[in-house]
Amino acid sequence: MPLTQETCEACRADSPRVTDDEQQELGREIPDWTMIEVDGVQRLQRQFALKDFKSALAFTQQVGDAAEAAGHHPAILTEWGKVTVTWWTHAIHGLHRNDYIMAAKSDELYRNAAGAKR
């Protein structure tokens, strides 16, 4: 099943992080995302190009609405013509399958976003 069809599960501090093998496998579905590390915590990050600030705000709202519906919340930086989204699981201080699911859903929102610069 594609990641966009999956739903997030509730995470606790003892939820498993994705393994290196899982990172490689899941990463194939979200090739435009970069793995970064901040304060020793792995995160997924992507910058989305949009035509102007209004489009960036609208896309930010869409990602925010999806995050709220899933109960899984990213860091979002909205600027003129771009939105940077960063996913990680706070409870486990790292990456969970949920992060890949939400990255894929963010990509899907972008594919359908008005003002997206592809």
PDB file of N, CA and C in Angstrom:
ATOM      1  N   MET A   1       0.840  -1.169   0.000  1.00  0.00           N
ATOM      2  CA  MET A   1       0.000   0.000   0.000  1.00  0.00           C
ATOM      3  C   MET A   1       0.892   1.241   0.000  1.00  0.00           C
ATOM      4  N   PRO A   2       0.584   2.225  -0.844  1.00  0.00           N
ATOM      5  CA  PRO A   2       1.391   3.451  -0.854  1.00  0.00           C
ATOM      6  C   PRO A   2       1.282   4.185   0.480  1.00  0.00           C
ATOM      7  N   LEU A   3       2.332   4.892   0.835  1.00  0.00           N
ATOM      8  CA  LEU A   3       2.344   5.638   2.087  1.00  0.00           C
ATOM      9  C   LEU A   3       1.170   6.615   2.184  1.00  0.00           C
ATOM     10  N   THR A   4       0.756   7.186   1.066  1.00  0.00           N
ATOM     11  CA  THR A   4      -0.332   8.164   1.094  1.00  0.00           C
ATOM     12  C   THR A   4      -1.659   7.536   1.512  1.00  0.00           C
ATOM     13  N   GLN A   5      -1.760   6.225   1.433  1.00  0.00           N
ATOM     14  CA  GLN A   5      -2.986   5.530   1.817  1.00  0.00           C
ATOM     15  C   GLN A   5      -2.960   5.038   3.264  1.00  0.00           C
ATOM     16  N   GLU A   6      -1.813   5.160   3.924  1.00  0.00           N
ATOM     17  CA  GLU A   6      -1.681   4.706   5.305  1.00  0.00           C
ATOM     18  C   GLU A   6      -2.107   5.814   6.262  1.00  0.00           C
ATOM     19  N   THR A   7      -2.393   5.412   7.499  1.00  0.00           N
ATOM     20  CA  THR A   7      -2.720   6.389   8.533  1.00  0.00           C
ATOM     21  C   THR A   7      -1.676   6.308   9.643  1.00  0.00           C
ATOM     22  N   CYS A   8      -1.489   7.415  10.307  1.00  0.00           N
ATOM     23  CA  CYS A   8      -0.534   7.461  11.412  1.00  0.00           C
ATOM     24  C   CYS A   8      -1.089   6.722  12.618  1.00  0.00           C
ATOM     25  N   GLU A   9      -0.174   6.109  13.357  1.00  0.00           N
ATOM     26  CA  GLU A   9      -0.551   5.460  14.611  1.00  0.00           C
ATOM     27  C   GLU A   9      -0.021   6.310  15.761  1.00  0.00           C
ATOM     28  N   ALA A  10      -0.698   6.219  16.876  1.00  0.00           N
ATOM     29  CA  ALA A  10      -0.257   6.979  18.049  1.00  0.00           C
ATOM     30  C   ALA A  10       1.102   6.464  18.504  1.00  0.00           C
ATOM     31  N   CYS A  11       2.002   7.382  18.786  1.00  0.00           N
ATOM     32  CA  CYS A  11       3.351   7.012  19.233  1.00  0.00           C
ATOM     33  C   CYS A  11       3.530   7.328  20.706  1.00  0.00           C
ATOM     34  N   ARG A  12       4.315   6.471  21.337  1.00  0.00           N
ATOM     35  CA  ARG A  12       4.723   6.666  22.731  1.00  0.00           C
ATOM     36  C   ARG A  12       6.255   6.662  22.757  1.00  0.00           C
ATOM     37  N   ALA A  13       6.805   6.927  23.885  1.00  0.00           N
ATOM     38  CA  ALA A  13       8.265   6.975  24.020  1.00  0.00           C
ATOM     39  C   ALA A  13       8.918   5.636  23.686  1.00  0.00           C
ATOM     40  N   ASP A  14       8.183   4.521  23.795  1.00  0.00           N
ATOM     41  CA  ASP A  14       8.755   3.214  23.481  1.00  0.00           C
ATOM     42  C   ASP A  14       8.404   2.725  22.073  1.00  0.00           C
ATOM     43  N   SER A  15       7.800   3.587  21.253  1.00  0.00           N
ATOM     44  CA  SER A  15       7.512   3.215  19.862  1.00  0.00           C
ATOM     45  C   SER A  15       8.828   3.055  19.105  1.00  0.00           C
ATOM     46  N   PRO A  16       8.855   2.129  18.144  1.00  0.00           N
ATOM     47  CA  PRO A  16      10.125   1.882  17.446  1.00  0.00           C
ATOM     48  C   PRO A  16      10.456   2.956  16.411  1.00  0.00           C
ATOM     49  N   ARG A  17      11.714   3.301  16.367  1.00  0.00           N
ATOM     50  CA  ARG A  17      12.214   4.144  15.268  1.00  0.00           C
ATOM     51  C   ARG A  17      12.349   3.266  14.036  1.00  0.00           C
ATOM     52  N   VAL A  18      12.323   3.897  12.846  1.00  0.00           N
ATOM     53  CA  VAL A  18      12.562   3.128  11.631  1.00  0.00           C
ATOM     54  C   VAL A  18      14.021   2.677  11.601  1.00  0.00           C
ATOM     55  N   THR A  19      14.232   1.480  11.081  1.00  0.00           N
ATOM     56  CA  THR A  19      15.587   0.952  10.955  1.00  0.00           C
ATOM     57  C   THR A  19      16.252   1.552   9.719  1.00  0.00           C
ATOM     58  N   ASP A  20      17.546   1.336   9.572  1.00  0.00           N
ATOM     59  CA  ASP A  20      18.255   1.817   8.381  1.00  0.00           C
ATOM     60  C   ASP A  20      17.657   1.209   7.117  1.00  0.00           C
ATOM     61  N   ASP A  21      17.318  -0.080   7.151  1.00  0.00           N
ATOM     62  CA  ASP A  21      16.713  -0.737   5.988  1.00  0.00           C
ATOM     63  C   ASP A  21      15.350  -0.133   5.668  1.00  0.00           C
ATOM     64  N   GLU A  22      14.562   0.137   6.694  1.00  0.00           N
ATOM     65  CA  GLU A  22      13.254   0.751   6.489  1.00  0.00           C
ATOM     66  C   GLU A  22      13.408   2.165   5.936  1.00  0.00           C
ATOM     67  N   GLN A  23      14.411   2.899   6.407  1.00  0.00           N
ATOM     68  CA  GLN A  23      14.648   4.250   5.890  1.00  0.00           C
ATOM     69  C   GLN A  23      14.905   4.208   4.389  1.00  0.00           C
ATOM     70  N   GLN A  24      15.711   3.254   3.950  1.00  0.00           N
ATOM     71  CA  GLN A  24      16.010   3.144   2.518  1.00  0.00           C
ATOM     72  C   GLN A  24      14.756   2.788   1.729  1.00  0.00           C
ATOM     73  N   GLU A  25      14.002   1.816   2.222  1.00  0.00           N
ATOM     74  CA  GLU A  25      12.788   1.377   1.527  1.00  0.00           C
ATOM     75  C   GLU A  25      11.742   2.494   1.468  1.00  0.00           C
ATOM     76  N   LEU A  26      11.459   3.106   2.597  1.00  0.00           N
ATOM     77  CA  LEU A  26      10.454   4.160   2.650  1.00  0.00           C
ATOM     78  C   LEU A  26      10.909   5.407   1.902  1.00  0.00           C
ATOM     79  N   GLY A  27      12.190   5.668   1.928  1.00  0.00           N
ATOM     80  CA  GLY A  27      12.742   6.826   1.241  1.00  0.00           C
ATOM     81  C   GLY A  27      12.523   6.807  -0.261  1.00  0.00           C
ATOM     82  N   ARG A  28      12.350   5.637  -0.827  1.00  0.00           N
ATOM     83  CA  ARG A  28      12.085   5.538  -2.274  1.00  0.00           C
ATOM     84  C   ARG A  28      10.752   6.177  -2.644  1.00  0.00           C
ATOM     85  N   GLU A  29       9.818   6.215  -1.693  1.00  0.00           N
ATOM     86  CA  GLU A  29       8.507   6.803  -1.965  1.00  0.00           C
ATOM     87  C   GLU A  29       8.504   8.321  -1.796  1.00  0.00           C
ATOM     88  N   ILE A  30       9.550   8.848  -1.182  1.00  0.00           N
ATOM     89  CA  ILE A  30       9.637  10.301  -0.964  1.00  0.00           C
ATOM     90  C   ILE A  30      11.029  10.803  -1.381  1.00  0.00           C
ATOM     91  N   PRO A  31      11.374  10.646  -2.659  1.00  0.00           N
ATOM     92  CA  PRO A  31      12.750  10.931  -3.093  1.00  0.00           C
ATOM     93  C   PRO A  31      13.174  12.388  -2.979  1.00  0.00           C
ATOM     94  N   ASP A  32      12.240  13.313  -2.855  1.00  0.00           N
ATOM     95  CA  ASP A  32      12.599  14.736  -2.787  1.00  0.00           C
ATOM     96  C   ASP A  32      12.896  15.217  -1.376  1.00  0.00           C
ATOM     97  N   TRP A  33      12.784  14.317  -0.410  1.00  0.00           N
ATOM     98  CA  TRP A  33      13.037  14.670   0.985  1.00  0.00           C
ATOM     99  C   TRP A  33      14.482  14.385   1.348  1.00  0.00           C
ATOM    100  N   THR A  34      15.013  15.201   2.232  1.00  0.00           N
ATOM    101  CA  THR A  34      16.385  15.067   2.707  1.00  0.00           C
ATOM    102  C   THR A  34      16.370  14.679   4.175  1.00  0.00           C
ATOM    103  N   MET A  35      17.274  13.787   4.533  1.00  0.00           N
ATOM    104  CA  MET A  35      17.450  13.433   5.940  1.00  0.00           C
ATOM    105  C   MET A  35      18.417  14.452   6.535  1.00  0.00           C
ATOM    106  N   ILE A  36      17.982  15.099   7.605  1.00  0.00           N
ATOM    107  CA  ILE A  36      18.849  16.036   8.314  1.00  0.00           C
ATOM    108  C   ILE A  36      18.941  15.594   9.772  1.00  0.00           C
ATOM    109  N   GLU A  37      19.881  16.151  10.490  1.00  0.00           N
ATOM    110  CA  GLU A  37      20.001  15.880  11.913  1.00  0.00           C
ATOM    111  C   GLU A  37      20.103  17.208  12.644  1.00  0.00           C
ATOM    112  N   VAL A  38      19.251  17.383  13.645  1.00  0.00           N
ATOM    113  CA  VAL A  38      19.243  18.591  14.454  1.00  0.00           C
ATOM    114  C   VAL A  38      19.315  18.157  15.911  1.00  0.00           C
ATOM    115  N   ASP A  39      20.321  18.611  16.612  1.00  0.00           N
ATOM    116  CA  ASP A  39      20.511  18.253  18.020  1.00  0.00           C
ATOM    117  C   ASP A  39      20.489  16.738  18.223  1.00  0.00           C
ATOM    118  N   GLY A  40      21.108  16.011  17.291  1.00  0.00           N
ATOM    119  CA  GLY A  40      21.198  14.559  17.397  1.00  0.00           C
ATOM    120  C   GLY A  40      19.939  13.808  17.015  1.00  0.00           C
ATOM    121  N   VAL A  41      18.928  14.511  16.487  1.00  0.00           N
ATOM    122  CA  VAL A  41      17.661  13.887  16.122  1.00  0.00           C
ATOM    123  C   VAL A  41      17.508  13.902  14.602  1.00  0.00           C
ATOM    124  N   GLN A  42      17.312  12.715  14.015  1.00  0.00           N
ATOM    125  CA  GLN A  42      17.092  12.625  12.574  1.00  0.00           C
ATOM    126  C   GLN A  42      15.704  13.148  12.230  1.00  0.00           C
ATOM    127  N   ARG A  43      15.646  13.865  11.102  1.00  0.00           N
ATOM    128  CA  ARG A  43      14.392  14.456  10.629  1.00  0.00           C
ATOM    129  C   ARG A  43      14.345  14.386   9.115  1.00  0.00           C
ATOM    130  N   LEU A  44      13.137  14.432   8.576  1.00  0.00           N
ATOM    131  CA  LEU A  44      12.927  14.524   7.133  1.00  0.00           C
ATOM    132  C   LEU A  44      12.567  15.961   6.810  1.00  0.00           C
ATOM    133  N   GLN A  45      13.182  16.518   5.748  1.00  0.00           N
ATOM    134  CA  GLN A  45      12.917  17.908   5.409  1.00  0.00           C
ATOM    135  C   GLN A  45      12.822  18.083   3.903  1.00  0.00           C
ATOM    136  N   ARG A  46      11.894  18.939   3.497  1.00  0.00           N
ATOM    137  CA  ARG A  46      11.763  19.293   2.086  1.00  0.00           C
ATOM    138  C   ARG A  46      11.314  20.739   1.979  1.00  0.00           C
ATOM    139  N   GLN A  47      11.861  21.421   0.979  1.00  0.00           N
ATOM    140  CA  GLN A  47      11.435  22.776   0.666  1.00  0.00           C
ATOM    141  C   GLN A  47      10.569  22.718  -0.590  1.00  0.00           C
ATOM    142  N   PHE A  48       9.371  23.285  -0.500  1.00  0.00           N
ATOM    143  CA  PHE A  48       8.414  23.301  -1.606  1.00  0.00           C
ATOM    144  C   PHE A  48       8.405  24.693  -2.230  1.00  0.00           C
ATOM    145  N   ALA A  49       8.499  24.766  -3.558  1.00  0.00           N
ATOM    146  CA  ALA A  49       8.495  26.043  -4.273  1.00  0.00           C
ATOM    147  C   ALA A  49       7.068  26.395  -4.677  1.00  0.00           C
ATOM    148  N   LEU A  50       6.681  27.628  -4.377  1.00  0.00           N
ATOM    149  CA  LEU A  50       5.360  28.126  -4.738  1.00  0.00           C
ATOM    150  C   LEU A  50       5.503  29.480  -5.412  1.00  0.00           C
ATOM    151  N   LYS A  51       4.452  29.927  -6.101  1.00  0.00           N
ATOM    152  CA  LYS A  51       4.605  31.114  -6.944  1.00  0.00           C
ATOM    153  C   LYS A  51       4.659  32.433  -6.181  1.00  0.00           C
ATOM    154  N   ASP A  52       4.110  32.476  -4.956  1.00  0.00           N
ATOM    155  CA  ASP A  52       4.107  33.723  -4.202  1.00  0.00           C
ATOM    156  C   ASP A  52       3.788  33.433  -2.735  1.00  0.00           C
ATOM    157  N   PHE A  53       3.678  34.471  -1.940  1.00  0.00           N
ATOM    158  CA  PHE A  53       3.445  34.282  -0.507  1.00  0.00           C
ATOM    159  C   PHE A  53       2.040  33.747  -0.240  1.00  0.00           C
ATOM    160  N   LYS A  54       1.058  34.236  -0.986  1.00  0.00           N
ATOM    161  CA  LYS A  54      -0.321  33.772  -0.803  1.00  0.00           C
ATOM    162  C   LYS A  54      -0.425  32.266  -1.052  1.00  0.00           C
ATOM    163  N   SER A  55       0.222  31.782  -2.079  1.00  0.00           N
ATOM    164  CA  SER A  55       0.232  30.343  -2.384  1.00  0.00           C
ATOM    165  C   SER A  55       0.965  29.563  -1.295  1.00  0.00           C
ATOM    166  N   ALA A  56       2.050  30.138  -0.793  1.00  0.00           N
ATOM    167  CA  ALA A  56       2.803  29.488   0.287  1.00  0.00           C
ATOM    168  C   ALA A  56       1.948  29.381   1.545  1.00  0.00           C
ATOM    169  N   LEU A  57       1.198  30.438   1.861  1.00  0.00           N
ATOM    170  CA  LEU A  57       0.313  30.396   3.024  1.00  0.00           C
ATOM    171  C   LEU A  57      -0.776  29.346   2.855  1.00  0.00           C
ATOM    172  N   ALA A  58      -1.351  29.277   1.669  1.00  0.00           N
ATOM    173  CA  ALA A  58      -2.408  28.298   1.413  1.00  0.00           C
ATOM    174  C   ALA A  58      -1.871  26.872   1.551  1.00  0.00           C
ATOM    175  N   PHE A  59      -0.678  26.628   1.022  1.00  0.00           N
ATOM    176  CA  PHE A  59      -0.076  25.299   1.137  1.00  0.00           C
ATOM    177  C   PHE A  59       0.248  24.982   2.593  1.00  0.00           C
ATOM    178  N   THR A  60       0.760  25.963   3.329  1.00  0.00           N
ATOM    179  CA  THR A  60       1.039  25.778   4.749  1.00  0.00           C
ATOM    180  C   THR A  60      -0.226  25.351   5.483  1.00  0.00           C
ATOM    181  N   GLN A  61      -1.341  25.985   5.174  1.00  0.00           N
ATOM    182  CA  GLN A  61      -2.615  25.645   5.818  1.00  0.00           C
ATOM    183  C   GLN A  61      -3.032  24.215   5.490  1.00  0.00           C
ATOM    184  N   GLN A  62      -2.818  23.797   4.244  1.00  0.00           N
ATOM    185  CA  GLN A  62      -3.172  22.428   3.852  1.00  0.00           C
ATOM    186  C   GLN A  62      -2.340  21.402   4.617  1.00  0.00           C
ATOM    187  N   VAL A  63      -1.046  21.652   4.715  1.00  0.00           N
ATOM    188  CA  VAL A  63      -0.180  20.736   5.468  1.00  0.00           C
ATOM    189  C   VAL A  63      -0.588  20.745   6.943  1.00  0.00           C
ATOM    190  N   GLY A  64      -0.876  21.926   7.475  1.00  0.00           N
ATOM    191  CA  GLY A  64      -1.307  22.031   8.862  1.00  0.00           C
ATOM    192  C   GLY A  64      -2.611  21.289   9.126  1.00  0.00           C
ATOM    193  N   ASP A  65      -3.548  21.392   8.203  1.00  0.00           N
ATOM    194  CA  ASP A  65      -4.819  20.678   8.355  1.00  0.00           C
ATOM    195  C   ASP A  65      -4.607  19.169   8.327  1.00  0.00           C
ATOM    196  N   ALA A  66      -3.761  18.691   7.424  1.00  0.00           N
ATOM    197  CA  ALA A  66      -3.463  17.250   7.347  1.00  0.00           C
ATOM    198  C   ALA A  66      -2.768  16.778   8.627  1.00  0.00           C
ATOM    199  N   ALA A  67      -1.863  17.598   9.136  1.00  0.00           N
ATOM    200  CA  ALA A  67      -1.150  17.259  10.364  1.00  0.00           C
ATOM    201  C   ALA A  67      -2.117  17.166  11.545  1.00  0.00           C
ATOM    202  N   GLU A  68      -2.990  18.122  11.640  1.00  0.00           N
ATOM    203  CA  GLU A  68      -3.963  18.126  12.738  1.00  0.00           C
ATOM    204  C   GLU A  68      -4.884  16.913  12.651  1.00  0.00           C
ATOM    205  N   ALA A  69      -5.330  16.569  11.445  1.00  0.00           N
ATOM    206  CA  ALA A  69      -6.200  15.408  11.260  1.00  0.00           C
ATOM    207  C   ALA A  69      -5.492  14.111  11.657  1.00  0.00           C
ATOM    208  N   ALA A  70      -4.180  14.049  11.406  1.00  0.00           N
ATOM    209  CA  ALA A  70      -3.401  12.845  11.719  1.00  0.00           C
ATOM    210  C   ALA A  70      -2.903  12.832  13.163  1.00  0.00           C
ATOM    211  N   GLY A  71      -2.950  13.978  13.826  1.00  0.00           N
ATOM    212  CA  GLY A  71      -2.397  14.063  15.175  1.00  0.00           C
ATOM    213  C   GLY A  71      -0.886  13.966  15.186  1.00  0.00           C
ATOM    214  N   HIS A  72      -0.270  14.428  14.102  1.00  0.00           N
ATOM    215  CA  HIS A  72       1.188  14.363  13.957  1.00  0.00           C
ATOM    216  C   HIS A  72       1.634  15.683  13.349  1.00  0.00           C
ATOM    217  N   HIS A  73       2.465  16.433  14.045  1.00  0.00           N
ATOM    218  CA  HIS A  73       2.708  17.826  13.689  1.00  0.00           C
ATOM    219  C   HIS A  73       4.163  18.113  13.329  1.00  0.00           C
ATOM    220  N   PRO A  74       4.383  18.775  12.183  1.00  0.00           N
ATOM    221  CA  PRO A  74       5.735  19.111  11.728  1.00  0.00           C
ATOM    222  C   PRO A  74       6.155  20.507  12.155  1.00  0.00           C
ATOM    223  N   ALA A  75       7.384  20.825  11.840  1.00  0.00           N
ATOM    224  CA  ALA A  75       7.840  22.209  11.859  1.00  0.00           C
ATOM    225  C   ALA A  75       7.612  22.727  10.439  1.00  0.00           C
ATOM    226  N   ILE A  76       7.032  23.905  10.330  1.00  0.00           N
ATOM    227  CA  ILE A  76       6.744  24.495   9.022  1.00  0.00           C
ATOM    228  C   ILE A  76       7.276  25.921   9.013  1.00  0.00           C
ATOM    229  N   LEU A  77       8.084  26.235   8.004  1.00  0.00           N
ATOM    230  CA  LEU A  77       8.586  27.589   7.801  1.00  0.00           C
ATOM    231  C   LEU A  77       7.998  28.107   6.492  1.00  0.00           C
ATOM    232  N   THR A  78       7.218  29.176   6.581  1.00  0.00           N
ATOM    233  CA  THR A  78       6.566  29.761   5.407  1.00  0.00           C
ATOM    234  C   THR A  78       7.269  31.059   5.052  1.00  0.00           C
ATOM    235  N   GLU A  79       7.698  31.157   3.797  1.00  0.00           N
ATOM    236  CA  GLU A  79       8.370  32.353   3.301  1.00  0.00           C
ATOM    237  C   GLU A  79       7.772  32.712   1.946  1.00  0.00           C
ATOM    238  N   TRP A  80       8.176  33.848   1.398  1.00  0.00           N
ATOM    239  CA  TRP A  80       7.693  34.211   0.078  1.00  0.00           C
ATOM    240  C   TRP A  80       8.158  33.147  -0.920  1.00  0.00           C
ATOM    241  N   GLY A  81       7.202  32.494  -1.553  1.00  0.00           N
ATOM    242  CA  GLY A  81       7.512  31.545  -2.613  1.00  0.00           C
ATOM    243  C   GLY A  81       8.060  30.203  -2.174  1.00  0.00           C
ATOM    244  N   LYS A  82       8.060  29.920  -0.875  1.00  0.00           N
ATOM    245  CA  LYS A  82       8.540  28.610  -0.452  1.00  0.00           C
ATOM    246  C   LYS A  82       8.038  28.253   0.943  1.00  0.00           C
ATOM    247  N   VAL A  83       7.914  26.950   1.134  1.00  0.00           N
ATOM    248  CA  VAL A  83       7.518  26.404   2.432  1.00  0.00           C
ATOM    249  C   VAL A  83       8.460  25.245   2.724  1.00  0.00           C
ATOM    250  N   THR A  84       9.076  25.270   3.895  1.00  0.00           N
ATOM    251  CA  THR A  84       9.945  24.190   4.332  1.00  0.00           C
ATOM    252  C   THR A  84       9.204  23.400   5.406  1.00  0.00           C
ATOM    253  N   VAL A  85       9.075  22.093   5.163  1.00  0.00           N
ATOM    254  CA  VAL A  85       8.371  21.211   6.098  1.00  0.00           C
ATOM    255  C   VAL A  85       9.379  20.213   6.658  1.00  0.00           C
ATOM    256  N   THR A  86       9.354  20.030   7.959  1.00  0.00           N
ATOM    257  CA  THR A  86      10.259  19.101   8.627  1.00  0.00           C
ATOM    258  C   THR A  86       9.429  18.165   9.511  1.00  0.00           C
ATOM    259  N   TRP A  87       9.565  16.865   9.247  1.00  0.00           N
ATOM    260  CA  TRP A  87       8.842  15.834  10.007  1.00  0.00           C
ATOM    261  C   TRP A  87       9.806  15.028  10.862  1.00  0.00           C
ATOM    262  N   TRP A  88       9.426  14.761  12.100  1.00  0.00           N
ATOM    263  CA  TRP A  88      10.094  13.810  12.990  1.00  0.00           C
ATOM    264  C   TRP A  88       9.129  13.524  14.121  1.00  0.00           C
ATOM    265  N   THR A  89       9.403  12.491  14.862  1.00  0.00           N
ATOM    266  CA  THR A  89       8.507  12.109  15.949  1.00  0.00           C
ATOM    267  C   THR A  89       9.124  12.535  17.270  1.00  0.00           C
ATOM    268  N   HIS A  90       8.512  13.520  17.883  1.00  0.00           N
ATOM    269  CA  HIS A  90       9.019  14.097  19.124  1.00  0.00           C
ATOM    270  C   HIS A  90       9.128  13.044  20.227  1.00  0.00           C
ATOM    271  N   ALA A  91       8.124  12.173  20.343  1.00  0.00           N
ATOM    272  CA  ALA A  91       8.070  11.199  21.445  1.00  0.00           C
ATOM    273  C   ALA A  91       9.257  10.244  21.458  1.00  0.00           C
ATOM    274  N   ILE A  92       9.815   9.955  20.265  1.00  0.00           N
ATOM    275  CA  ILE A  92      10.927   8.995  20.199  1.00  0.00           C
ATOM    276  C   ILE A  92      12.240   9.666  19.810  1.00  0.00           C
ATOM    277  N   HIS A  93      12.212  10.982  19.656  1.00  0.00           N
ATOM    278  CA  HIS A  93      13.421  11.736  19.282  1.00  0.00           C
ATOM    279  C   HIS A  93      14.074  11.146  18.038  1.00  0.00           C
ATOM    280  N   GLY A  94      13.254  10.923  17.018  1.00  0.00           N
ATOM    281  CA  GLY A  94      13.774  10.362  15.775  1.00  0.00           C
ATOM    282  C   GLY A  94      12.654  10.120  14.779  1.00  0.00           C
ATOM    283  N   LEU A  95      12.929   9.226  13.849  1.00  0.00           N
ATOM    284  CA  LEU A  95      11.992   8.968  12.759  1.00  0.00           C
ATOM    285  C   LEU A  95      11.169   7.705  12.989  1.00  0.00           C
ATOM    286  N   HIS A  96       9.897   7.828  12.731  1.00  0.00           N
ATOM    287  CA  HIS A  96       8.930   6.738  12.814  1.00  0.00           C
ATOM    288  C   HIS A  96       8.286   6.624  11.430  1.00  0.00           C
ATOM    289  N   ARG A  97       7.630   5.528  11.178  1.00  0.00           N
ATOM    290  CA  ARG A  97       6.923   5.356   9.906  1.00  0.00           C
ATOM    291  C   ARG A  97       5.955   6.524   9.663  1.00  0.00           C
ATOM    292  N   ASN A  98       5.354   7.046  10.729  1.00  0.00           N
ATOM    293  CA  ASN A  98       4.431   8.179  10.597  1.00  0.00           C
ATOM    294  C   ASN A  98       5.061   9.347   9.846  1.00  0.00           C
ATOM    295  N   ASP A  99       6.340   9.588  10.068  1.00  0.00           N
ATOM    296  CA  ASP A  99       7.011  10.715   9.417  1.00  0.00           C
ATOM    297  C   ASP A  99       7.064  10.523   7.903  1.00  0.00           C
ATOM    298  N   TYR A 100       7.285   9.303   7.480  1.00  0.00           N
ATOM    299  CA  TYR A 100       7.311   8.995   6.053  1.00  0.00           C
ATOM    300  C   TYR A 100       5.911   9.088   5.458  1.00  0.00           C
ATOM    301  N   ILE A 101       4.916   8.635   6.211  1.00  0.00           N
ATOM    302  CA  ILE A 101       3.528   8.738   5.761  1.00  0.00           C
ATOM    303  C   ILE A 101       3.168  10.207   5.544  1.00  0.00           C
ATOM    304  N   MET A 102       3.490  11.037   6.503  1.00  0.00           N
ATOM    305  CA  MET A 102       3.122  12.449   6.402  1.00  0.00           C
ATOM    306  C   MET A 102       3.962  13.188   5.359  1.00  0.00           C
ATOM    307  N   ALA A 103       5.197  12.777   5.155  1.00  0.00           N
ATOM    308  CA  ALA A 103       5.999  13.364   4.072  1.00  0.00           C
ATOM    309  C   ALA A 103       5.347  13.039   2.728  1.00  0.00           C
ATOM    310  N   ALA A 104       4.919  11.799   2.553  1.00  0.00           N
ATOM    311  CA  ALA A 104       4.254  11.397   1.306  1.00  0.00           C
ATOM    312  C   ALA A 104       2.944  12.163   1.123  1.00  0.00           C
ATOM    313  N   LYS A 105       2.210  12.359   2.195  1.00  0.00           N
ATOM    314  CA  LYS A 105       0.958  13.113   2.111  1.00  0.00           C
ATOM    315  C   LYS A 105       1.235  14.586   1.808  1.00  0.00           C
ATOM    316  N   SER A 106       2.330  15.129   2.315  1.00  0.00           N
ATOM    317  CA  SER A 106       2.723  16.503   1.993  1.00  0.00           C
ATOM    318  C   SER A 106       3.037  16.620   0.505  1.00  0.00           C
ATOM    319  N   ASP A 107       3.750  15.624  -0.032  1.00  0.00           N
ATOM    320  CA  ASP A 107       4.045  15.608  -1.471  1.00  0.00           C
ATOM    321  C   ASP A 107       2.757  15.592  -2.292  1.00  0.00           C
ATOM    322  N   GLU A 108       1.798  14.781  -1.864  1.00  0.00           N
ATOM    323  CA  GLU A 108       0.523  14.684  -2.573  1.00  0.00           C
ATOM    324  C   GLU A 108      -0.226  16.025  -2.537  1.00  0.00           C
ATOM    325  N   LEU A 109      -0.217  16.680  -1.390  1.00  0.00           N
ATOM    326  CA  LEU A 109      -0.842  18.004  -1.295  1.00  0.00           C
ATOM    327  C   LEU A 109      -0.173  18.988  -2.254  1.00  0.00           C
ATOM    328  N   TYR A 110       1.150  18.912  -2.333  1.00  0.00           N
ATOM    329  CA  TYR A 110       1.894  19.811  -3.224  1.00  0.00           C
ATOM    330  C   TYR A 110       1.554  19.550  -4.693  1.00  0.00           C
ATOM    331  N   ARG A 111       1.432  18.284  -5.057  1.00  0.00           N
ATOM    332  CA  ARG A 111       1.081  17.947  -6.442  1.00  0.00           C
ATOM    333  C   ARG A 111      -0.256  18.565  -6.830  1.00  0.00           C
ATOM    334  N   ASN A 112      -1.146  18.730  -5.867  1.00  0.00           N
ATOM    335  CA  ASN A 112      -2.480  19.259  -6.133  1.00  0.00           C
ATOM    336  C   ASN A 112      -2.626  20.733  -5.762  1.00  0.00           C
ATOM    337  N   ALA A 113      -1.571  21.357  -5.273  1.00  0.00           N
ATOM    338  CA  ALA A 113      -1.656  22.740  -4.790  1.00  0.00           C
ATOM    339  C   ALA A 113      -1.679  23.762  -5.914  1.00  0.00           C
ATOM    340  N   ALA A 114      -2.557  24.713  -5.761  1.00  0.00           N
ATOM    341  CA  ALA A 114      -2.559  25.866  -6.678  1.00  0.00           C
ATOM    342  C   ALA A 114      -1.306  26.670  -6.360  1.00  0.00           C
ATOM    343  N   GLY A 115      -0.608  27.108  -7.371  1.00  0.00           N
ATOM    344  CA  GLY A 115       0.573  27.934  -7.163  1.00  0.00           C
ATOM    345  C   GLY A 115       1.865  27.168  -6.994  1.00  0.00           C
ATOM    346  N   ALA A 116       1.793  25.816  -7.050  1.00  0.00           N
ATOM    347  CA  ALA A 116       3.005  25.017  -6.926  1.00  0.00           C
ATOM    348  C   ALA A 116       3.882  25.207  -8.161  1.00  0.00           C
ATOM    349  N   LYS A 117       5.181  25.354  -7.930  1.00  0.00           N
ATOM    350  CA  LYS A 117       6.139  25.501  -9.040  1.00  0.00           C
ATOM    351  C   LYS A 117       6.881  24.187  -9.183  1.00  0.00           C
ATOM    352  N   ARG A 118       6.499  23.413 -10.154  1.00  0.00           N
ATOM    353  CA  ARG A 118       7.103  22.092 -10.334  1.00  0.00           C
ATOM    354  C   ARG A 118       8.156  22.104 -11.410  1.00  0.00           C
TER     355      ARG A 118
END
